[in-house]
């Protein structure tokens, strides 16, 4: 009789604990899209080559640049006047090793 009371009390405690447990929340998927025009300069700007900004070689200047991040990997694109996306690609290979802040 005593053991059945202990088992019943344990089952009741487990049920009550499960009922009072906090609900699970969805974790951040790591995806983010945000405007980042302020991080870019055009090549002929005085602040372009001091290392604090990225340099965008683009016919659209530095307007409407958006960055997309996914778990530490960031890509950039630019919207033209018609709203079409144009990728801004960083250099790769030897050029990318020496000037990683250039985007074409």
C-alpha atoms as a PDB file:
ATOM      1  CA  UNK A   1       0.000   0.000   0.000  1.00  0.00           C
ATOM      2  CA  UNK A   2       2.818   2.353   0.862  1.00  0.00           C
ATOM      3  CA  UNK A   3       4.626   1.709  -2.428  1.00  0.00           C
ATOM      4  CA  UNK A   4       1.482   2.373  -4.470  1.00  0.00           C
ATOM      5  CA  UNK A   5       1.066   5.712  -2.684  1.00  0.00           C
ATOM      6  CA  UNK A   6       4.679   6.627  -3.496  1.00  0.00           C
ATOM      7  CA  UNK A   7       4.192   5.633  -7.142  1.00  0.00           C
ATOM      8  CA  UNK A   8       0.921   7.573  -7.352  1.00  0.00           C
ATOM      9  CA  UNK A   9       2.520  10.646  -5.766  1.00  0.00           C
ATOM     10  CA  UNK A  10       5.448  10.394  -8.191  1.00  0.00           C
ATOM     11  CA  UNK A  11       3.124  10.120 -11.186  1.00  0.00           C
ATOM     12  CA  UNK A  12       1.114  13.079  -9.927  1.00  0.00           C
ATOM     13  CA  UNK A  13       4.293  15.122  -9.470  1.00  0.00           C
ATOM     14  CA  UNK A  14       5.483  14.243 -12.987  1.00  0.00           C
ATOM     15  CA  UNK A  15       2.128  15.169 -14.484  1.00  0.00           C
ATOM     16  CA  UNK A  16       2.016  18.459 -12.607  1.00  0.00           C
ATOM     17  CA  UNK A  17       5.618  19.227 -13.594  1.00  0.00           C
ATOM     18  CA  UNK A  18       4.888  18.556 -17.255  1.00  0.00           C
ATOM     19  CA  UNK A  19       1.812  20.748 -17.102  1.00  0.00           C
ATOM     20  CA  UNK A  20       3.723  23.656 -15.532  1.00  0.00           C
ATOM     21  CA  UNK A  21       6.801  23.382 -17.759  1.00  0.00           C
ATOM     22  CA  UNK A  22       7.501  26.394 -19.982  1.00  0.00           C
ATOM     23  CA  UNK A  23       6.557  26.069 -23.617  1.00  0.00           C
ATOM     24  CA  UNK A  24       9.298  25.753 -26.183  1.00  0.00           C
ATOM     25  CA  UNK A  25      10.028  28.805 -28.288  1.00  0.00           C
ATOM     26  CA  UNK A  26      11.297  28.802 -31.838  1.00  0.00           C
ATOM     27  CA  UNK A  27      14.959  29.600 -32.134  1.00  0.00           C
ATOM     28  CA  UNK A  28      16.300  32.212 -34.498  1.00  0.00           C
ATOM     29  CA  UNK A  29      17.037  30.555 -37.823  1.00  0.00           C
ATOM     30  CA  UNK A  30      20.089  32.750 -38.312  1.00  0.00           C
ATOM     31  CA  UNK A  31      18.625  34.494 -41.359  1.00  0.00           C
ATOM     32  CA  UNK A  32      18.584  38.267 -41.509  1.00  0.00           C
ATOM     33  CA  UNK A  33      18.003  40.817 -44.242  1.00  0.00           C
ATOM     34  CA  UNK A  34      18.691  44.478 -43.558  1.00  0.00           C
ATOM     35  CA  UNK A  35      19.574  47.724 -45.367  1.00  0.00           C
ATOM     36  CA  UNK A  36      23.311  48.375 -45.363  1.00  0.00           C
ATOM     37  CA  UNK A  37      23.913  51.287 -47.740  1.00  0.00           C
ATOM     38  CA  UNK A  38      25.677  53.109 -44.911  1.00  0.00           C
ATOM     39  CA  UNK A  39      28.458  50.478 -44.959  1.00  0.00           C
ATOM     40  CA  UNK A  40      29.401  51.216 -48.587  1.00  0.00           C
ATOM     41  CA  UNK A  41      31.165  54.078 -50.364  1.00  0.00           C
ATOM     42  CA  UNK A  42      31.761  54.779 -54.047  1.00  0.00           C
ATOM     43  CA  UNK A  43      35.410  54.488 -55.200  1.00  0.00           C
ATOM     44  CA  UNK A  44      35.888  58.229 -55.707  1.00  0.00           C
ATOM     45  CA  UNK A  45      34.746  59.100 -52.182  1.00  0.00           C
ATOM     46  CA  UNK A  46      37.424  60.338 -49.781  1.00  0.00           C
ATOM     47  CA  UNK A  47      36.368  57.860 -47.075  1.00  0.00           C
ATOM     48  CA  UNK A  48      36.302  54.872 -49.419  1.00  0.00           C
ATOM     49  CA  UNK A  49      39.884  53.738 -48.969  1.00  0.00           C
ATOM     50  CA  UNK A  50      40.473  54.241 -45.236  1.00  0.00           C
ATOM     51  CA  UNK A  51      39.332  50.700 -44.384  1.00  0.00           C
ATOM     52  CA  UNK A  52      36.152  51.566 -42.503  1.00  0.00           C
ATOM     53  CA  UNK A  53      33.783  51.140 -45.453  1.00  0.00           C
ATOM     54  CA  UNK A  54      33.255  48.648 -48.236  1.00  0.00           C
ATOM     55  CA  UNK A  55      33.786  50.007 -51.743  1.00  0.00           C
ATOM     56  CA  UNK A  56      30.981  49.400 -54.245  1.00  0.00           C
ATOM     57  CA  UNK A  57      31.826  49.563 -57.944  1.00  0.00           C
ATOM     58  CA  UNK A  58      28.252  49.994 -59.113  1.00  0.00           C
ATOM     59  CA  UNK A  59      26.516  52.161 -61.718  1.00  0.00           C
ATOM     60  CA  UNK A  60      23.800  52.790 -59.116  1.00  0.00           C
ATOM     61  CA  UNK A  61      26.107  54.325 -56.498  1.00  0.00           C
ATOM     62  CA  UNK A  62      25.422  53.221 -52.936  1.00  0.00           C
ATOM     63  CA  UNK A  63      21.637  53.613 -52.934  1.00  0.00           C
ATOM     64  CA  UNK A  64      19.333  50.739 -51.958  1.00  0.00           C
ATOM     65  CA  UNK A  65      22.007  48.231 -50.923  1.00  0.00           C
ATOM     66  CA  UNK A  66      20.658  45.336 -48.878  1.00  0.00           C
ATOM     67  CA  UNK A  67      22.665  42.748 -46.948  1.00  0.00           C
ATOM     68  CA  UNK A  68      21.521  39.194 -46.323  1.00  0.00           C
ATOM     69  CA  UNK A  69      23.148  37.197 -43.528  1.00  0.00           C
ATOM     70  CA  UNK A  70      22.822  33.526 -42.741  1.00  0.00           C
ATOM     71  CA  UNK A  71      24.892  32.172 -39.856  1.00  0.00           C
ATOM     72  CA  UNK A  72      27.815  34.541 -40.366  1.00  0.00           C
ATOM     73  CA  UNK A  73      27.858  34.428 -44.162  1.00  0.00           C
ATOM     74  CA  UNK A  74      26.841  37.777 -45.638  1.00  0.00           C
ATOM     75  CA  UNK A  75      25.899  38.632 -49.201  1.00  0.00           C
ATOM     76  CA  UNK A  76      24.924  42.012 -50.616  1.00  0.00           C
ATOM     77  CA  UNK A  77      22.667  43.072 -53.439  1.00  0.00           C
ATOM     78  CA  UNK A  78      21.460  46.371 -54.808  1.00  0.00           C
ATOM     79  CA  UNK A  79      18.059  47.378 -56.107  1.00  0.00           C
ATOM     80  CA  UNK A  80      17.925  49.457 -59.269  1.00  0.00           C
ATOM     81  CA  UNK A  81      15.270  52.067 -60.078  1.00  0.00           C
ATOM     82  CA  UNK A  82      12.899  49.352 -61.360  1.00  0.00           C
ATOM     83  CA  UNK A  83      13.325  47.256 -58.201  1.00  0.00           C
ATOM     84  CA  UNK A  84      15.461  44.512 -59.781  1.00  0.00           C
ATOM     85  CA  UNK A  85      18.179  42.916 -57.663  1.00  0.00           C
ATOM     86  CA  UNK A  86      21.831  43.101 -58.704  1.00  0.00           C
ATOM     87  CA  UNK A  87      24.355  41.058 -56.734  1.00  0.00           C
ATOM     88  CA  UNK A  88      27.365  42.859 -55.301  1.00  0.00           C
ATOM     89  CA  UNK A  89      30.094  40.245 -55.321  1.00  0.00           C
ATOM     90  CA  UNK A  90      33.336  40.480 -53.354  1.00  0.00           C
ATOM     91  CA  UNK A  91      36.521  39.570 -55.216  1.00  0.00           C
ATOM     92  CA  UNK A  92      37.943  36.095 -54.888  1.00  0.00           C
ATOM     93  CA  UNK A  93      41.364  34.587 -55.318  1.00  0.00           C
ATOM     94  CA  UNK A  94      44.483  36.721 -55.040  1.00  0.00           C
ATOM     95  CA  UNK A  95      42.624  40.019 -55.383  1.00  0.00           C
ATOM     96  CA  UNK A  96      40.235  39.051 -52.582  1.00  0.00           C
ATOM     97  CA  UNK A  97      43.140  38.261 -50.283  1.00  0.00           C
ATOM     98  CA  UNK A  98      44.533  41.779 -50.599  1.00  0.00           C
ATOM     99  CA  UNK A  99      41.380  43.911 -50.880  1.00  0.00           C
ATOM    100  CA  UNK A 100      38.416  42.094 -49.293  1.00  0.00           C
ATOM    101  CA  UNK A 101      36.306  45.279 -49.031  1.00  0.00           C
ATOM    102  CA  UNK A 102      35.721  45.646 -52.779  1.00  0.00           C
ATOM    103  CA  UNK A 103      32.329  44.727 -54.219  1.00  0.00           C
ATOM    104  CA  UNK A 104      31.570  44.573 -57.949  1.00  0.00           C
END
